[in-house]
Amino acid sequence: MKSIKPGRGPSMMGGVMSVLVGLFGVIWTVIAAKTGGGLFALFGIVFIAIAIVQAIYQFKNATGKNRYSAFDITEEGEETDPLNERFGNAGTRNEKESREHRFCPYCGAPVGQDYDFCNRCGKKLP
């Protein structure tokens, strides 16, 4: 059975945004240096440094084998959660809730055990 689990972090889109933020920092620094704003130019350099660190982290995570993501759609036993491996199998839902609900494999919405169709996307459940 497929399930959706919440991811915990960066993605390729975050890496692209970090690069754009870094480019904005370069433009900011150049304009501040030309107008004689020394403190503003220093702010731009710090801004660029933070953007570079974030871009490296985001791209490394987005292309890594055990990456953290915003959402993970997995089959049972297909992919382990690296944070659960590190900190134990502390789930976010209690046992009663997991017995009462299953999840739509198409959109990930929780549906009751006796439902034949998903109440969010309307597709027939397997």
Foldseek 3Di string as FASTA:
>chain_A
DKAKDFFDDAAVVQLVVLVVQLVVLVVQLVVCVVVVNPVSNVVSVVSNVVSVVRNVVRVCQHPDPQHTDRMDIDDVPGDDHVVCVVPNPDDPDDPVVVQQWDAASPPNHTDGPPDQADPPPGHGGD
